[in-house]
Protein backbone atom coordinates (compact mmCIF):
# COMPACT_ATOMS: atom_id res chain seq x y z
CA TRP A 1 32.16 -15.90 170.89
CA ASP A 2 28.84 -16.31 171.84
CA GLU A 3 28.87 -12.56 173.86
CA ALA A 4 30.41 -11.47 170.54
CA LEU A 5 27.74 -13.27 168.38
CA ASP A 6 24.89 -12.16 171.00
CA LEU A 7 25.88 -8.85 170.54
CA VAL A 8 25.48 -8.34 166.46
CA TYR A 9 22.35 -10.30 166.72
CA TYR A 10 21.25 -8.09 169.40
CA ASN A 11 21.89 -4.85 167.23
CA PHE A 12 21.02 -6.02 163.76
CA MET A 13 17.42 -7.21 165.28
CA LYS A 14 17.10 -3.41 167.28
CA ILE A 15 18.25 -2.17 163.64
CA LYS A 16 15.44 -4.57 161.88
CA GLU A 17 12.66 -3.96 163.81
CA GLU A 18 13.00 0.38 163.74
CA TYR A 19 13.91 0.36 160.57
CA GLY A 20 13.05 -2.65 158.66
CA PRO A 21 15.52 -5.09 157.57
CA GLU A 22 16.86 -3.45 154.27
CA SER A 23 18.71 -1.19 157.04
CA VAL A 24 21.43 -4.10 157.45
CA ILE A 25 23.97 -3.72 154.45
CA PHE A 26 26.07 -6.88 154.17
CA MET A 27 29.08 -6.29 152.33
CA MET A 28 31.77 -8.62 150.74
CA GLY A 29 35.11 -8.83 148.83
CA THR A 30 35.73 -11.43 145.80
CA GLY A 31 34.29 -14.57 148.06
CA ARG A 32 35.20 -17.14 145.81
CA ASP A 33 34.45 -19.57 149.01
CA ILE A 34 32.00 -17.99 151.26
CA ASN A 35 29.37 -15.83 148.74
CA PRO A 36 27.08 -18.60 149.37
CA TRP A 37 26.91 -18.28 153.00
CA LEU A 38 27.15 -14.86 153.52
CA THR A 39 24.21 -13.81 150.63
CA ARG A 40 21.96 -16.58 152.79
CA LEU A 41 23.03 -14.63 155.86
CA ALA A 42 21.87 -11.49 154.17
CA PHE A 43 18.99 -12.75 152.50
CA SER A 44 17.61 -15.03 154.97
CA PHE A 45 17.46 -11.98 157.19
CA GLY A 46 15.58 -10.03 154.90
CA SER A 47 17.71 -7.67 153.51
CA PRO A 48 17.75 -7.45 149.66
CA ASN A 49 21.25 -5.33 150.21
CA SER A 50 23.75 -7.79 149.50
CA VAL A 51 26.90 -5.48 148.49
CA PHE A 52 30.18 -5.39 146.93
CA PRO A 53 31.43 -2.59 147.65
CA MET A 54 33.13 -1.29 144.43
CA SER A 55 32.56 2.09 142.54
CA GLY A 56 30.71 0.95 139.35
CA ASP A 57 30.47 -2.28 138.12
CA ALA A 58 33.92 -2.31 136.89
CA CYS A 59 35.10 -6.50 137.73
CA TYR A 60 34.14 -9.48 136.15
CA THR A 61 30.85 -8.77 136.54
CA THR A 62 30.59 -6.40 133.49
CA ARG A 63 31.95 -9.11 131.12
CA VAL A 64 29.16 -11.92 132.56
CA LEU A 65 26.36 -9.24 132.17
CA GLY A 66 27.38 -8.36 128.46
CA CYS A 67 27.55 -12.27 127.80
CA MET A 68 24.69 -13.07 129.50
CA ALA A 69 22.30 -10.50 127.95
CA SER A 70 23.94 -11.52 124.04
CA THR A 71 24.06 -15.06 124.76
CA GLY A 72 22.30 -16.20 127.96
CA CYS A 73 25.75 -17.54 129.74
CA PHE A 74 28.90 -16.79 130.47
CA TRP A 75 32.14 -18.16 128.78
CA VAL A 76 35.28 -19.65 129.30
CA GLY A 77 38.08 -21.20 127.21
CA ASP A 78 38.50 -24.75 126.27
CA TYR A 79 41.58 -25.71 127.75
CA SER A 80 40.32 -29.46 128.35
CA GLN A 81 39.43 -28.60 131.74
CA GLN A 82 36.09 -30.01 131.72
CA PHE A 83 37.41 -33.13 130.71
CA PRO A 84 38.80 -35.75 133.62
CA ASP A 85 41.95 -36.99 130.90
CA ARG A 86 42.19 -33.41 129.68
CA TYR A 87 44.48 -33.19 127.02
CA ASP A 88 44.28 -36.48 126.09
CA ASN A 89 40.24 -36.54 125.36
CA VAL A 90 39.52 -37.58 122.11
CA ASN A 91 36.98 -35.02 121.74
CA TRP A 92 39.39 -31.98 122.38
CA LYS A 93 41.76 -30.69 120.37
CA CYS A 94 44.54 -27.50 121.00
CA PRO A 95 42.94 -23.76 120.11
CA ASP A 96 44.79 -22.45 117.14
CA THR A 97 44.97 -19.17 118.72
CA VAL A 98 44.99 -17.25 122.00
CA VAL A 99 43.50 -13.67 122.32
CA LEU A 100 45.30 -12.50 125.85
CA TRP A 101 43.20 -9.03 125.92
CA GLY A 102 43.67 -7.55 129.08
CA ASN A 103 44.79 -10.04 130.66
CA ASP A 104 48.31 -11.91 132.14
CA PRO A 105 46.97 -15.30 133.50
CA LEU A 106 50.36 -16.17 134.70
CA VAL A 107 49.97 -13.82 137.67
CA ALA A 108 45.69 -13.30 137.24
CA ASN A 109 44.02 -15.82 136.68
CA SER A 110 40.60 -15.07 136.06
CA ASP A 111 37.79 -17.65 137.22
CA GLY A 112 38.19 -21.11 136.65
CA MET A 113 41.45 -20.53 134.87
CA TYR A 114 44.93 -21.79 135.83
CA GLY A 115 47.87 -20.03 134.17
CA HIS A 116 49.83 -22.84 134.06
CA TRP A 117 47.07 -23.93 131.30
CA LEU A 118 48.41 -21.45 129.22
CA ILE A 119 51.44 -22.89 128.99
CA ASP A 120 50.27 -25.69 128.10
CA VAL A 121 48.38 -24.71 124.84
CA MET A 122 51.57 -22.40 123.95
CA LYS A 123 53.34 -26.03 124.26
CA ARG A 124 50.99 -28.14 122.00
CA GLY A 125 50.72 -24.92 119.66
CA ALA A 126 48.65 -22.67 120.04
CA LYS A 127 49.60 -18.94 118.50
CA ILE A 128 49.22 -16.05 121.05
CA ILE A 129 48.12 -12.77 120.44
CA ASN A 130 48.71 -10.10 123.07
CA ILE A 131 46.72 -6.98 123.36
CA ASP A 132 48.23 -5.01 126.33
CA PRO A 133 50.32 -1.75 126.87
CA ARG A 134 52.82 -3.58 128.32
CA VAL A 135 55.57 -5.63 127.49
CA ASN A 136 55.41 -8.29 129.92
CA TRP A 137 56.53 -11.81 129.63
CA LEU A 138 53.90 -13.19 128.24
CA ALA A 139 53.96 -9.80 125.59
CA ALA A 140 57.47 -11.33 125.10
CA LYS A 141 56.61 -14.75 123.96
CA SER A 142 53.40 -14.19 121.99
CA ASP A 143 53.32 -13.64 118.03
CA LEU A 144 51.75 -11.00 118.06
CA HIS A 145 51.83 -8.25 120.52
CA LEU A 146 49.04 -5.41 119.84
CA GLN A 147 50.06 -2.21 122.57
CA ILE A 148 47.06 -0.37 122.77
CA ARG A 149 46.27 2.80 124.15
CA PRO A 150 44.89 2.29 127.01
CA GLY A 151 40.97 2.62 127.27
CA THR A 152 40.20 2.26 123.45
CA ASP A 153 39.81 -1.31 123.50
CA ALA A 154 36.25 -0.98 122.41
CA ALA A 155 37.68 0.43 119.31
CA LEU A 156 40.37 -2.05 118.47
CA ALA A 157 37.09 -4.74 118.69
CA LEU A 158 34.96 -2.36 116.27
CA GLY A 159 37.57 -2.22 113.69
CA MET A 160 38.48 -5.69 113.70
CA LEU A 161 34.81 -6.51 113.62
CA ASN A 162 34.34 -4.28 110.64
CA TYR A 163 37.46 -5.69 108.75
CA ILE A 164 36.39 -9.45 109.62
CA ILE A 165 32.73 -8.83 107.50
CA GLN A 166 34.05 -6.19 105.00
CA ASN A 167 36.79 -9.63 103.95
CA ASP A 168 33.86 -12.27 104.33
CA LEU A 169 35.79 -13.98 106.94
CA TYR A 170 32.93 -14.54 109.13
CA ASP A 171 31.36 -18.15 109.92
CA HIS A 172 28.52 -17.58 107.39
CA ASP A 173 26.77 -20.89 108.56
CA PHE A 174 26.88 -19.55 112.34
CA VAL A 175 25.77 -16.62 111.69
CA ASP A 176 22.91 -16.97 109.46
CA ARG A 177 21.43 -19.98 111.82
CA TRP A 178 22.44 -18.66 115.33
CA CYS A 179 23.13 -14.89 115.11
CA TYR A 180 20.36 -12.11 115.36
CA GLY A 181 21.04 -8.79 114.30
CA PHE A 182 24.29 -9.21 111.44
CA ASP A 183 22.99 -7.00 109.08
CA GLU A 184 22.68 -4.37 112.09
CA LEU A 185 26.19 -4.91 113.31
CA ALA A 186 27.60 -4.75 109.59
CA GLU A 187 26.31 -1.67 108.86
CA HIS A 188 26.83 0.43 112.51
CA VAL A 189 30.95 -1.23 112.29
CA LYS A 190 31.35 0.46 108.85
CA PRO A 191 32.79 3.43 110.20
CA TRP A 192 35.66 2.06 112.41
CA THR A 193 38.07 1.66 109.14
CA LEU A 194 41.66 0.17 109.55
CA GLU A 195 43.09 3.81 109.12
CA LYS A 196 40.56 4.90 111.76
CA THR A 197 41.06 2.15 114.45
CA GLU A 198 44.43 2.80 113.92
CA GLN A 199 44.23 6.56 114.76
CA VAL A 200 42.16 6.14 118.22
CA THR A 201 43.98 2.89 119.08
CA TRP A 202 47.70 3.86 117.94
CA ILE A 203 47.53 0.13 116.68
CA PRO A 204 49.22 0.26 113.42
CA LYS A 205 46.47 -1.19 110.91
CA GLU A 206 49.28 -4.01 109.57
CA LYS A 207 48.54 -5.37 112.94
CA VAL A 208 45.05 -5.29 113.34
CA VAL A 209 44.49 -6.82 109.90
CA GLU A 210 46.73 -9.87 111.18
CA ALA A 211 44.83 -10.06 114.69
CA ALA A 212 41.73 -10.31 112.63
CA GLU A 213 42.72 -12.85 110.20
CA MET A 214 44.74 -15.02 112.78
CA ILE A 215 41.29 -15.17 114.88
CA ALA A 216 39.34 -15.96 112.20
CA LYS A 217 40.78 -18.48 110.30
CA SER A 218 41.61 -20.32 113.42
CA ASP A 219 40.06 -23.77 114.17
CA GLY A 220 39.54 -22.86 117.60
CA ALA A 221 40.68 -19.63 119.08
CA ILE A 222 40.09 -18.53 122.95
CA LEU A 223 39.21 -14.82 124.36
CA GLN A 224 41.31 -14.72 127.68
CA TRP A 225 40.01 -11.66 128.87
CA GLY A 226 40.91 -9.19 131.96
CA VAL A 227 39.49 -7.46 134.04
CA ALA A 228 41.06 -4.31 132.27
CA LEU A 229 38.04 -4.34 129.87
CA ASP A 230 35.87 -3.82 132.54
CA MET A 231 37.94 -0.91 133.54
CA THR A 232 36.71 1.18 130.40
CA LYS A 233 34.14 3.62 130.34
CA GLU A 234 31.84 1.76 128.53
CA ALA A 235 32.61 -1.60 129.61
CA LEU A 236 29.64 -3.37 129.07
CA PRO A 237 29.78 -2.66 125.13
CA THR A 238 33.42 -3.01 124.92
CA SER A 239 33.27 -7.09 126.65
CA GLN A 240 30.20 -7.08 124.10
CA ALA A 241 31.82 -6.26 121.33
CA ALA A 242 35.33 -8.18 121.84
CA PHE A 243 33.26 -11.22 122.30
CA ASP A 244 31.68 -11.02 119.24
CA ILE A 245 34.32 -11.31 117.54
CA PHE A 246 34.56 -15.06 118.44
CA CYS A 247 30.47 -15.46 117.51
CA ILE A 248 31.10 -14.78 114.38
CA THR A 249 33.69 -16.37 113.70
CA GLY A 250 31.74 -19.48 114.98
CA GLN A 251 34.88 -20.09 117.44
CA ILE A 252 32.02 -20.75 120.98
CA GLU A 253 31.12 -23.95 121.43
CA ARG A 254 33.41 -26.11 119.39
CA PRO A 255 36.78 -28.02 120.54
CA GLY A 256 39.69 -25.32 121.22
CA GLY A 257 36.57 -22.12 121.41
CA MET A 258 34.71 -20.44 123.77
CA LEU A 259 32.54 -22.61 126.42
CA CYS A 260 29.26 -21.89 128.05
CA PRO A 261 30.45 -23.58 131.29
CA THR A 262 29.18 -26.58 133.05
CA GLU A 263 28.85 -24.78 136.53
CA ILE A 264 28.72 -26.60 139.58
CA ILE A 265 27.61 -23.75 142.37
CA ARG A 266 27.55 -20.32 141.19
CA TYR A 267 28.96 -17.51 143.30
CA ALA A 268 28.07 -14.34 141.64
CA GLY A 269 24.44 -14.35 141.93
CA GLY A 270 24.31 -15.92 145.62
CA TRP A 271 22.07 -17.96 147.70
CA GLY A 272 18.71 -17.99 148.89
CA PHE A 273 17.44 -14.49 147.05
CA ASP A 274 14.61 -16.86 145.60
CA ASP A 275 13.04 -18.15 148.70
CA PHE A 276 13.89 -15.10 150.71
CA ILE A 277 13.62 -11.81 149.18
CA THR A 278 9.78 -10.79 147.75
CA PRO A 279 9.74 -8.72 144.94
CA GLU A 280 8.69 -5.95 146.91
CA GLN A 281 11.44 -6.02 149.08
CA ASP A 282 13.39 -6.41 146.11
CA LYS A 283 12.53 -2.64 145.03
CA LYS A 284 13.99 -1.76 148.18
CA ARG A 285 17.67 -2.86 147.34
CA ALA A 286 19.64 0.29 146.49
CA GLY A 287 20.03 1.37 143.01
CA TYR A 288 17.10 -0.76 141.89
CA ASP A 289 15.08 1.88 139.95
CA ASP A 290 18.26 3.46 138.32
CA PHE A 291 20.13 0.44 137.34
CA THR A 292 17.42 -2.22 135.79
CA ILE A 293 20.43 -4.53 134.38
CA MET A 294 21.34 -5.14 138.39
CA GLY A 295 18.72 -7.95 138.59
CA GLY A 296 17.25 -11.58 138.84
CA PRO A 297 20.64 -13.97 138.65
CA MET A 298 22.78 -10.71 139.42
CA ALA A 299 20.42 -9.21 142.40
CA ILE A 300 23.66 -7.07 143.80
CA THR A 301 23.04 -3.42 145.39
CA GLN A 302 24.88 -0.93 143.69
CA THR A 303 27.65 0.91 146.07
CA ASP A 304 27.78 4.35 144.22
CA ARG A 305 23.67 4.73 145.04
CA LEU A 306 23.69 3.04 148.30
CA ILE A 307 26.64 5.40 149.33
CA ALA A 308 24.37 8.36 148.34
CA GLN A 309 21.57 6.79 150.26
CA ILE A 310 23.75 6.60 153.80
CA GLU A 311 24.78 10.04 153.40
CA THR A 312 21.09 11.38 152.46
CA ASP A 313 18.71 9.24 154.55
CA GLU A 314 16.90 8.66 151.70
CA PRO A 315 14.95 6.84 150.43
CA TYR A 316 15.73 5.17 154.05
CA ARG A 317 18.44 4.99 156.17
CA ILE A 318 20.88 2.42 156.33
CA ALA A 319 22.03 1.98 159.80
CA GLY A 320 24.11 -1.21 160.20
CA ALA A 321 26.65 -2.45 158.10
CA TRP A 322 27.99 -6.69 157.93
CA ILE A 323 31.74 -6.24 156.62
CA GLN A 324 33.22 -9.62 155.61
CA THR A 325 36.44 -10.29 154.13
CA THR A 326 36.36 -7.17 152.50
CA ASN A 327 39.22 -4.14 152.67
CA PHE A 328 37.28 -1.60 150.63
CA LEU A 329 38.43 1.74 152.02
CA ALA A 330 42.08 0.19 150.68
CA CYS A 331 40.91 -1.74 147.73
CA THR A 332 38.01 -0.23 145.81
CA THR A 333 36.56 2.91 146.66
CA PRO A 334 37.63 5.78 144.40
CA ASP A 335 37.56 8.71 147.93
CA PRO A 336 37.91 6.63 151.09
CA LYS A 337 37.34 10.12 153.03
CA ARG A 338 33.68 10.25 151.49
CA LEU A 339 33.23 7.09 152.62
CA VAL A 340 34.49 6.92 155.76
CA ALA A 341 32.62 10.10 156.83
CA ALA A 342 29.85 8.37 155.38
CA MET A 343 29.88 4.38 157.03
CA ASN A 344 30.56 6.75 160.31
CA ARG A 345 26.84 7.50 160.20
CA LEU A 346 26.08 3.91 161.21
CA ASP A 347 24.80 2.71 164.20
CA PHE A 348 26.48 -0.62 164.78
CA ILE A 349 28.76 -2.33 162.58
CA ALA A 350 30.11 -6.00 162.46
CA ALA A 351 33.13 -6.84 160.33
CA VAL A 352 34.98 -10.86 159.87
CA ASP A 353 38.62 -10.83 159.14
CA MET A 354 41.67 -12.77 159.48
CA PHE A 355 43.83 -9.08 159.88
CA MET A 356 43.23 -5.88 161.61
CA THR A 357 42.83 -4.07 157.92
CA PRO A 358 42.22 -0.01 157.42
CA THR A 359 38.85 -1.05 156.68
CA ILE A 360 38.39 -2.67 160.55
CA MET A 361 40.17 -0.28 162.30
CA ALA A 362 38.26 2.86 160.66
CA LEU A 363 35.00 1.90 161.51
CA ALA A 364 34.65 -1.76 163.11
CA ASP A 365 32.31 -1.93 166.63
CA VAL A 366 32.84 -5.86 166.58
CA VAL A 367 35.84 -8.06 164.65
CA LEU A 368 35.31 -11.67 164.76
CA PRO A 369 38.69 -13.59 163.66
CA VAL A 370 38.34 -15.79 160.50
CA SER A 371 40.10 -19.13 160.14
CA CYS A 372 42.59 -19.35 157.27
CA TYR A 373 42.19 -21.62 154.31
CA THR A 374 44.18 -24.71 156.24
CA GLU A 375 42.00 -24.64 159.11
CA LYS A 376 39.12 -24.75 157.78
CA HIS A 377 36.76 -27.10 155.48
CA GLY A 378 34.98 -25.55 152.08
CA LEU A 379 34.09 -25.57 148.81
CA ARG A 380 35.51 -23.52 145.93
CA VAL A 381 32.69 -22.18 143.93
CA GLY A 382 32.22 -19.59 140.80
CA ASP A 383 31.22 -19.02 137.37
CA GLY A 384 32.92 -20.64 134.90
CA PHE A 385 34.42 -23.52 137.26
CA GLN A 386 33.69 -26.82 135.89
CA ARG A 387 34.68 -28.88 138.67
CA LEU A 388 33.66 -29.49 142.09
CA GLU A 389 36.37 -28.66 144.46
CA THR A 390 36.91 -29.19 148.15
CA ILE A 391 38.98 -27.32 150.73
CA ASN A 392 40.28 -29.55 153.11
CA LYS A 393 41.30 -28.75 156.89
CA ALA A 394 45.25 -29.30 157.40
CA SER A 395 45.53 -27.93 160.53
CA ASP A 396 43.97 -27.19 163.72
CA GLN A 397 42.17 -24.05 163.86
CA ARG A 398 43.23 -20.69 166.82
CA ASP A 399 40.08 -19.10 168.27
CA THR A 400 39.17 -18.92 164.92
CA LYS A 401 36.11 -19.67 163.02
CA SER A 402 35.78 -20.01 159.51
CA ASP A 403 33.14 -17.93 157.56
CA VAL A 404 30.88 -20.70 157.25
CA GLU A 405 30.70 -21.10 160.85
CA ILE A 406 30.14 -17.69 161.51
CA ASN A 407 27.51 -16.90 159.11
CA LEU A 408 25.95 -20.33 160.45
CA ALA A 409 26.10 -19.48 164.28
CA LEU A 410 24.73 -16.11 162.97
CA GLY A 411 22.29 -17.38 160.57
CA LYS A 412 20.49 -19.65 163.76
CA ARG A 413 20.08 -16.02 165.57
CA PHE A 414 18.33 -14.49 162.82
CA ASN A 415 16.72 -17.04 160.96
CA PRO A 416 16.76 -20.68 162.60
CA GLU A 417 14.66 -21.97 159.65
CA ALA A 418 16.82 -20.91 157.08
CA TRP A 419 19.76 -22.33 158.80
CA PRO A 420 18.27 -26.01 159.70
CA TRP A 421 22.23 -27.47 159.92
CA ASP A 422 23.92 -28.96 162.85
CA ASP A 423 27.19 -28.11 161.35
CA VAL A 424 28.88 -26.54 157.88
CA LYS A 425 29.48 -30.19 156.63
CA GLY A 426 25.50 -30.00 156.79
CA VAL A 427 25.64 -26.74 154.85
CA PHE A 428 27.78 -27.65 151.97
CA GLY A 429 25.83 -30.66 151.26
CA ALA A 430 22.61 -28.56 150.96
CA VAL A 431 24.64 -26.11 148.48
CA ILE A 432 25.83 -28.88 146.55
CA LYS A 433 22.39 -30.42 146.05
CA GLU A 434 20.86 -27.45 145.36
CA LYS A 435 22.73 -25.39 143.51
CA GLY A 436 24.96 -28.10 142.02
CA GLY A 437 22.44 -30.68 141.31
CA MET A 438 24.45 -33.07 143.41
CA ASP A 439 23.77 -35.21 145.68
CA LEU A 440 26.16 -35.48 148.01
CA THR A 441 27.67 -34.92 151.09
CA PHE A 442 30.82 -33.28 151.71
CA ASP A 443 32.62 -35.91 152.82
CA GLU A 444 31.78 -37.84 149.18
CA ALA A 445 32.59 -34.58 147.71
CA ARG A 446 35.93 -34.21 148.68
CA ASP A 447 36.76 -38.13 148.45
CA MET A 448 35.96 -37.86 144.70
CA ALA A 449 36.80 -34.61 143.90
CA PRO A 450 37.57 -32.92 141.79
CA ALA A 451 34.04 -34.27 140.16
CA TYR A 452 32.95 -33.73 136.47
CA GLN A 453 30.12 -32.80 135.31
CA PRO A 454 28.95 -34.90 131.93
CA PHE A 455 30.03 -32.29 128.75
CA GLU A 456 29.93 -32.53 125.25
CA TYR A 457 30.13 -29.38 122.70
CA ARG A 458 27.63 -27.69 120.52
CA ARG A 459 24.93 -27.92 122.71
CA TYR A 460 23.20 -24.88 121.22
CA GLU A 461 22.18 -27.11 118.26
CA SER A 462 20.41 -30.52 120.93
CA GLY A 463 19.00 -27.42 123.19
CA LYS A 464 20.97 -27.90 126.46
CA LEU A 465 21.68 -24.68 126.96
CA ARG A 466 18.13 -23.43 127.15
CA PRO A 467 15.54 -24.70 130.14
CA ASP A 468 12.78 -25.19 127.78
CA GLY A 469 15.16 -27.78 125.92
CA GLN A 470 14.68 -25.87 122.46
CA PRO A 471 17.59 -25.34 120.24
CA GLY A 472 19.29 -22.22 120.68
CA PHE A 473 20.91 -20.27 122.77
CA ASN A 474 19.05 -18.38 126.09
CA THR A 475 18.37 -15.29 124.39
CA SER A 476 14.07 -13.98 123.74
CA THR A 477 15.41 -14.84 120.33
CA GLY A 478 16.86 -17.96 120.87
CA ARG A 479 20.10 -16.99 119.22
CA VAL A 480 23.63 -14.69 120.15
CA GLU A 481 22.26 -11.35 120.10
CA LEU A 482 24.68 -8.94 117.98
CA TRP A 483 21.86 -6.61 118.29
CA SER A 484 20.79 -7.04 121.86
CA THR A 485 17.19 -7.05 122.81
CA PHE A 486 18.00 -7.28 126.67
CA PHE A 487 19.97 -4.11 126.44
CA ASP A 488 17.43 -2.58 124.04
CA SER A 489 14.64 -3.34 127.03
CA CYS A 490 16.72 -1.62 129.92
CA ASN A 491 16.50 1.26 127.27
CA LEU A 492 20.69 0.96 127.04
CA ASP A 493 22.08 0.99 123.36
CA PRO A 494 22.00 -2.63 122.02
CA MET A 495 24.23 -2.18 119.55
CA HIS A 496 28.92 -2.18 120.70
CA TYR A 497 30.21 1.76 120.83
CA PHE A 498 33.47 3.46 121.99
CA GLU A 499 33.64 6.37 123.93
CA GLU A 500 37.42 8.43 124.07
CA PRO A 501 38.53 8.10 127.55
CA GLU A 502 38.67 11.17 130.22
CA PRO A 503 41.18 11.75 129.92
CA SER A 504 43.15 11.87 127.49
CA PRO A 505 45.26 13.47 124.65
CA TYR A 506 42.29 14.30 123.16
CA SER A 507 39.39 14.47 124.71
CA THR A 508 41.76 16.62 127.48
CA PRO A 509 44.45 18.09 125.12
CA GLU A 510 44.76 21.00 127.93
CA LEU A 511 46.16 18.64 130.36
CA ALA A 512 47.51 16.24 128.31
CA GLU A 513 50.19 18.58 128.10
CA LYS A 514 50.55 19.44 131.56
CA TYR A 515 50.71 15.76 132.54
CA PRO A 516 52.08 14.18 128.96
CA LEU A 517 52.67 10.45 130.39
CA ILE A 518 49.91 7.77 130.23
CA LEU A 519 48.85 5.85 133.88
CA THR A 520 47.32 2.65 133.97
CA THR A 521 46.87 1.25 136.88
CA GLY A 522 46.15 -2.64 138.13
CA ALA A 523 48.60 -4.57 136.94
CA ARG A 524 49.10 -7.65 139.21
CA SER A 525 51.69 -8.93 141.16
CA TRP A 526 53.21 -12.03 141.93
CA TRP A 527 53.06 -11.72 145.92
CA SER A 528 49.39 -10.08 146.57
CA PHE A 529 46.03 -10.01 145.25
CA HIS A 530 44.83 -6.44 146.25
CA SER A 531 45.70 -5.84 149.85
CA GLU A 532 45.57 -9.89 150.46
CA HIS A 533 48.98 -10.90 151.60
CA ARG A 534 50.87 -7.73 152.58
CA GLN A 535 50.49 -8.39 156.25
CA ILE A 536 52.70 -11.95 155.58
CA PRO A 537 56.58 -10.76 156.10
CA SER A 538 58.19 -12.93 154.37
CA LEU A 539 55.70 -12.72 150.48
CA ARG A 540 56.00 -8.80 151.73
CA SER A 541 59.94 -9.03 151.37
CA HIS A 542 59.66 -9.84 147.49
CA LYS A 543 57.61 -6.54 147.35
CA PRO A 544 58.52 -4.08 149.93
CA TRP A 545 57.83 -0.85 148.26
CA PRO A 546 55.00 0.46 146.05
CA GLU A 547 56.08 0.19 142.53
CA ILE A 548 55.64 2.14 139.48
CA GLU A 549 56.67 0.78 135.91
CA VAL A 550 58.37 3.10 133.97
CA HIS A 551 60.17 2.28 130.22
CA PRO A 552 63.95 2.91 130.37
CA GLU A 553 64.23 6.07 127.78
CA THR A 554 61.01 8.15 129.56
CA ALA A 555 62.62 7.28 133.15
CA ALA A 556 66.22 8.52 131.58
CA ALA A 557 64.50 11.91 129.74
CA ASN A 558 62.49 12.47 133.56
CA GLY A 559 66.01 12.12 135.23
CA LEU A 560 65.20 8.88 136.86
CA ARG A 561 67.06 5.38 137.55
CA ASN A 562 65.61 2.03 138.50
CA GLY A 563 65.61 1.96 142.40
CA ASP A 564 64.67 5.58 142.26
CA TRP A 565 61.91 7.42 144.38
CA CYS A 566 59.83 9.72 142.65
CA TRP A 567 56.06 11.26 142.60
CA VAL A 568 53.66 10.62 140.32
CA GLU A 569 51.37 13.93 140.03
CA ASN A 570 48.19 14.30 137.70
CA ASP A 571 45.25 16.75 138.36
CA ARG A 572 43.88 14.64 141.24
CA GLY A 573 46.65 14.15 143.33
CA ARG A 574 50.01 12.61 144.10
CA CYS A 575 51.53 9.28 145.04
CA LYS A 576 55.32 8.40 146.36
CA ARG A 577 56.93 5.28 144.40
CA VAL A 578 59.66 3.65 143.45
CA VAL A 579 60.76 3.19 139.56
């Protein structure tokens, strides 16, 4: 271990001295329990290039950015998770309606959300609106299922906004007192008649009306959204439009509605950026000039711009990479061959993982084996996660180290003053205090867990959503911005809009004639998370083959039956799947 860590230290310091610290990039996966330590490693090294290696910004962050821009915080559904006594709390009420928009929380839970919470509120009377092209278990159990044409979510949201406004179903008091830009919004969505909405989305207008009225008339409604909205062509305005339905109907900061979570430890922005990265150094972050929205608390590197920089050495050379628990060649890059060629231009690459992934085998010079969750202490962190929870070591380590142990050992070599702790428990205590505002040691937190922060509803009325203590929301206007001053300042459209997907039956009719079926990807499985768990035989046995779901009539028309192998083909290539 010492030899390996010294080798990493030697090569990274050599790059730092020759090209500057920004020439080493620090790449990570989803990282619910590693982000603070990994980002601190990057920032204390002096590199602003903390990278989530995904093309575009197409996973969760779009919803976070959209909400932060228009309301000053992210929002989660009120399933009573903020109360120790949960459903028995006298201040909580069950939501009347939960809108599942591109999300199947029983197999794909977003941050802070346990799938069984949805079943709990269904048992307590909540009605379900399911917006999804697929008929899954929850769609079959929903009160209303809107089978949307893939990629037209913004059109549906605009149509629902227009119907709610034109039929006077919005919350006048909340809009008048707490919203900015309502008149502009009302005028902007007028073209989205029910007829146009039906034509674009393929959802019968009667169902659009029923869904809009269910939300508007609910005494508490939740938007439970998934990455399907992040994957649309116009992800930011899509998420903005969908959430504004809940804003103008007054479904936020109320029992059974949408809540701004009392976050314990945020992971999206990392730990130590303000301490170690100067404004001058931040300007060296790949994509800084072109992606102004990716700044401040969301200071992460723009992957597409980074890849181009690796290929061209402009404006400076990228020479080294730290890859921690991410398998981007198999999971998040649209062009693996291009990325392999680019990454192989680097002088030195070190990787941390539990398995020899395709990414590691293609790229890494050094591999550090990491402990699994039963072999380590840790903290579960994340945006929208309202409780302090610990990961508790339950078995002995093999010849491995946990993520935080590796980051601490390397951090002490890079910048000892930034890593003054003797062990990982010291690191945990520091982040709990600094980021969570709780003066607890790890052992105290473990004994207390889950630890809750005080919570109350309608905090915008008492100034508890703003750092200056003034009533309202943490935006430049102090209101929910239906016309976004932040987007406008970034030279982005301040209003919601829809763009026809490409390809589609309308944007590329000649392709639609040749390839008449619409493919959607990304549906989750019980047995894996992206490429995670596929190396575990007991889990792999439940889903050994790559599958494609096809409607029985479509399959029969193509001479296919359940269990047959087939080619899935379009103008970009083909792959083999089991029906």
